C-alpha atoms as a PDB file:
ATOM      1  CA  MET A   1      -1.226  17.865 -13.988  1.00  0.00           C
ATOM      2  CA  ARG A   2      -3.093  17.824 -10.690  1.00  0.00           C
ATOM      3  CA  LYS A   3      -6.026  15.952 -12.234  1.00  0.00           C
ATOM      4  CA  LEU A   4      -3.642  13.359 -13.689  1.00  0.00           C
ATOM      5  CA  LEU A   5      -1.935  12.884 -10.333  1.00  0.00           C
ATOM      6  CA  LEU A   6      -5.317  12.517  -8.630  1.00  0.00           C
ATOM      7  CA  ILE A   7      -6.519   9.932 -11.145  1.00  0.00           C
ATOM      8  CA  ALA A   8      -3.275   7.949 -10.910  1.00  0.00           C
ATOM      9  CA  SER A   9      -3.487   8.039  -7.081  1.00  0.00           C
ATOM     10  CA  ILE A  10      -7.056   6.725  -7.140  1.00  0.00           C
ATOM     11  CA  ILE A  11      -6.141   3.919  -9.512  1.00  0.00           C
ATOM     12  CA  LEU A  12      -3.089   3.014  -7.425  1.00  0.00           C
ATOM     13  CA  LEU A  13      -5.091   3.133  -4.181  1.00  0.00           C
ATOM     14  CA  SER A  14      -7.827   0.869  -5.552  1.00  0.00           C
ATOM     15  CA  THR A  15      -5.259  -1.613  -6.840  1.00  0.00           C
ATOM     16  CA  ILE A  16      -3.354  -1.650  -3.543  1.00  0.00           C
ATOM     17  CA  THR A  17      -6.592  -1.870  -1.546  1.00  0.00           C
ATOM     18  CA  SER A  18      -7.538  -5.117  -3.268  1.00  0.00           C
ATOM     19  CA  GLN A  19      -4.035  -6.470  -2.591  1.00  0.00           C
ATOM     20  CA  ALA A  20      -4.090  -5.302   1.027  1.00  0.00           C
ATOM     21  CA  GLN A  21      -7.297  -7.216   1.757  1.00  0.00           C
ATOM     22  CA  THR A  22      -5.321 -10.447   1.284  1.00  0.00           C
ATOM     23  CA  THR A  23      -2.404  -9.109   3.339  1.00  0.00           C
ATOM     24  CA  ARG A  24      -4.443  -9.394   6.550  1.00  0.00           C
ATOM     25  CA  MET A  25      -5.131 -13.057   6.014  1.00  0.00           C
ATOM     26  CA  SER A  26      -2.539 -15.690   6.890  1.00  0.00           C
ATOM     27  CA  PRO A  27      -2.879 -17.678   3.687  1.00  0.00           C
ATOM     28  CA  SER A  28      -3.517 -15.576   0.610  1.00  0.00           C
ATOM     29  CA  SER A  29      -6.266 -16.182  -1.903  1.00  0.00           C
ATOM     30  CA  ASP A  30      -3.878 -18.142  -4.137  1.00  0.00           C
ATOM     31  CA  GLY A  31      -3.104 -20.594  -1.284  1.00  0.00           C
ATOM     32  CA  THR A  32       0.408 -19.326  -0.468  1.00  0.00           C
ATOM     33  CA  GLU A  33       1.231 -17.977   2.994  1.00  0.00           C
ATOM     34  CA  ARG A  34       1.925 -14.286   3.446  1.00  0.00           C
ATOM     35  CA  VAL A  35       5.534 -13.374   4.159  1.00  0.00           C
ATOM     36  CA  ILE A  36       4.920 -10.223   6.212  1.00  0.00           C
ATOM     37  CA  LYS A  37       2.834  -9.699   9.326  1.00  0.00           C
ATOM     38  CA  MET A  38       2.649  -6.030  10.372  1.00  0.00           C
ATOM     39  CA  TYR A  39       1.336  -4.282  13.485  1.00  0.00           C
ATOM     40  CA  PRO A  40      -0.110  -2.093  14.949  1.00  0.00           C
ATOM     41  CA  ILE A  41      -2.681  -1.101  12.335  1.00  0.00           C
ATOM     42  CA  PRO A  42      -3.329   1.820  12.229  1.00  0.00           C
ATOM     43  CA  ALA A  43       0.188   2.800  13.250  1.00  0.00           C
ATOM     44  CA  THR A  44       0.962   5.908  15.265  1.00  0.00           C
ATOM     45  CA  ALA A  45       4.582   6.134  16.439  1.00  0.00           C
ATOM     46  CA  PHE A  46       6.067   2.989  14.904  1.00  0.00           C
ATOM     47  CA  ILE A  47       5.198  -0.030  12.769  1.00  0.00           C
ATOM     48  CA  THR A  48       6.703  -3.500  13.032  1.00  0.00           C
ATOM     49  CA  PHE A  49       7.096  -5.909  10.129  1.00  0.00           C
ATOM     50  CA  GLU A  50       7.605  -9.576  11.081  1.00  0.00           C
ATOM     51  CA  PHE A  51       8.809 -11.873   8.348  1.00  0.00           C
ATOM     52  CA  GLN A  52       6.883 -15.145   8.565  1.00  0.00           C
ATOM     53  CA  LYS A  53       9.135 -17.090   6.219  1.00  0.00           C
ATOM     54  CA  GLN A  54      12.857 -17.080   5.828  1.00  0.00           C
ATOM     55  CA  VAL A  55      13.467 -13.931   3.791  1.00  0.00           C
ATOM     56  CA  GLU A  56      16.248 -14.295   1.265  1.00  0.00           C
ATOM     57  CA  LYS A  57      19.447 -12.516   2.240  1.00  0.00           C
ATOM     58  CA  GLY A  58      19.620  -9.172   0.449  1.00  0.00           C
ATOM     59  CA  ALA A  59      15.833  -8.664   0.343  1.00  0.00           C
ATOM     60  CA  THR A  60      14.658  -5.065   0.657  1.00  0.00           C
ATOM     61  CA  VAL A  61      11.613  -3.369   2.169  1.00  0.00           C
ATOM     62  CA  LEU A  62      10.556  -0.153   0.473  1.00  0.00           C
ATOM     63  CA  ILE A  63       7.888   2.229   1.805  1.00  0.00           C
ATOM     64  CA  HIS A  64       6.296   4.892  -0.403  1.00  0.00           C
ATOM     65  CA  SER A  65       3.769   7.636   0.332  1.00  0.00           C
ATOM     66  CA  LEU A  66       0.483   7.830  -1.565  1.00  0.00           C
ATOM     67  CA  ALA A  67       2.121  10.480  -3.774  1.00  0.00           C
ATOM     68  CA  GLY A  68       4.907   8.029  -4.668  1.00  0.00           C
ATOM     69  CA  LYS A  69       7.714   9.547  -2.549  1.00  0.00           C
ATOM     70  CA  LYS A  70      10.136   6.949  -1.143  1.00  0.00           C
ATOM     71  CA  MET A  71       9.908   7.283   2.646  1.00  0.00           C
ATOM     72  CA  TYR A  72      12.001   4.355   3.796  1.00  0.00           C
ATOM     73  CA  GLU A  73      14.285   1.567   2.551  1.00  0.00           C
ATOM     74  CA  SER A  74      15.926  -1.262   4.464  1.00  0.00           C
ATOM     75  CA  LYS A  75      18.122  -4.052   3.112  1.00  0.00           C
ATOM     76  CA  ASN A  76      19.403  -7.331   4.571  1.00  0.00           C
ATOM     77  CA  LEU A  77      16.299  -8.100   6.633  1.00  0.00           C
ATOM     78  CA  VAL A  78      16.334 -10.508   9.538  1.00  0.00           C
ATOM     79  CA  GLY A  79      13.173 -11.694  11.380  1.00  0.00           C
ATOM     80  CA  LYS A  80      11.640  -8.419  12.472  1.00  0.00           C
ATOM     81  CA  LEU A  81      11.909  -4.751  11.425  1.00  0.00           C
ATOM     82  CA  THR A  82      10.523  -1.840  13.519  1.00  0.00           C
ATOM     83  CA  ILE A  83      10.306   1.545  11.817  1.00  0.00           C
ATOM     84  CA  ASP A  84       9.987   4.888  13.639  1.00  0.00           C
ATOM     85  CA  LEU A  85       7.242   6.914  12.006  1.00  0.00           C
ATOM     86  CA  GLY A  86       8.401  10.299  13.307  1.00  0.00           C
ATOM     87  CA  ASP A  87       8.938  11.643   9.783  1.00  0.00           C
ATOM     88  CA  PHE A  88       5.666  10.183   8.438  1.00  0.00           C
ATOM     89  CA  ILE A  89       2.494  12.296   8.321  1.00  0.00           C
ATOM     90  CA  ARG A  90      -1.019  10.927   8.743  1.00  0.00           C
ATOM     91  CA  GLY A  91      -2.081   8.937   5.685  1.00  0.00           C
ATOM     92  CA  ILE A  92      -1.786   5.731   3.658  1.00  0.00           C
ATOM     93  CA  TYR A  93       1.600   4.209   2.822  1.00  0.00           C
ATOM     94  CA  PHE A  94       2.537   1.323   0.566  1.00  0.00           C
ATOM     95  CA  TYR A  95       5.212  -1.270   1.247  1.00  0.00           C
ATOM     96  CA  GLN A  96       7.020  -3.643  -1.042  1.00  0.00           C
ATOM     97  CA  LEU A  97       9.237  -6.589  -0.176  1.00  0.00           C
ATOM     98  CA  VAL A  98      11.655  -7.135  -3.045  1.00  0.00           C
ATOM     99  CA  ASP A  99      14.206  -9.934  -3.513  1.00  0.00           C
ATOM    100  CA  PRO A 100      17.873  -9.133  -4.402  1.00  0.00           C
ATOM    101  CA  GLY A 101      17.113  -9.524  -8.103  1.00  0.00           C
ATOM    102  CA  GLY A 102      14.342  -6.898  -7.952  1.00  0.00           C
ATOM    103  CA  LYS A 103      11.419  -9.350  -8.076  1.00  0.00           C
ATOM    104  CA  LEU A 104       8.406  -8.346  -5.951  1.00  0.00           C
ATOM    105  CA  ILE A 105       7.771 -10.870  -3.199  1.00  0.00           C
ATOM    106  CA  GLU A 106       4.869  -9.078  -1.441  1.00  0.00           C
ATOM    107  CA  SER A 107       3.229  -5.667  -1.313  1.00  0.00           C
ATOM    108  CA  GLY A 108       0.479  -3.996   0.648  1.00  0.00           C
ATOM    109  CA  LYS A 109      -0.471  -0.903   2.537  1.00  0.00           C
ATOM    110  CA  PHE A 110      -0.761   0.444   6.035  1.00  0.00           C
ATOM    111  CA  GLN A 111      -2.256   3.529   7.646  1.00  0.00           C
ATOM    112  CA  VAL A 112      -0.473   6.058   9.840  1.00  0.00           C
ATOM    113  CA  SER A 113      -2.853   7.764  12.251  1.00  0.00           C
ATOM    114  CA  LYS A 114      -1.344  10.564  14.386  1.00  0.00           C
END
């Protein structure tokens, strides 16, 4: 079971890493602008997500640990979201911005360094 979890984590990390490389750029590789700007990277005490475009009412931000545990969820986003990282340990975390219908708008990763 541990080996399976390790292999799944490596595959997930490599997939997210390739997606995260486009997250840092303003326009993505497919020519569309990114919706989320986040800072500071690496994060220590907090992380701020700024929404570059008008995010549809009812959109949700989800944050998961590398192991897949849901660490944070916020609905009805407006402009900027700052998250206290007091309950987060050092490591890599993945975020998803999802519309009210459950469609993925954007995803990426960030690092917590304490």
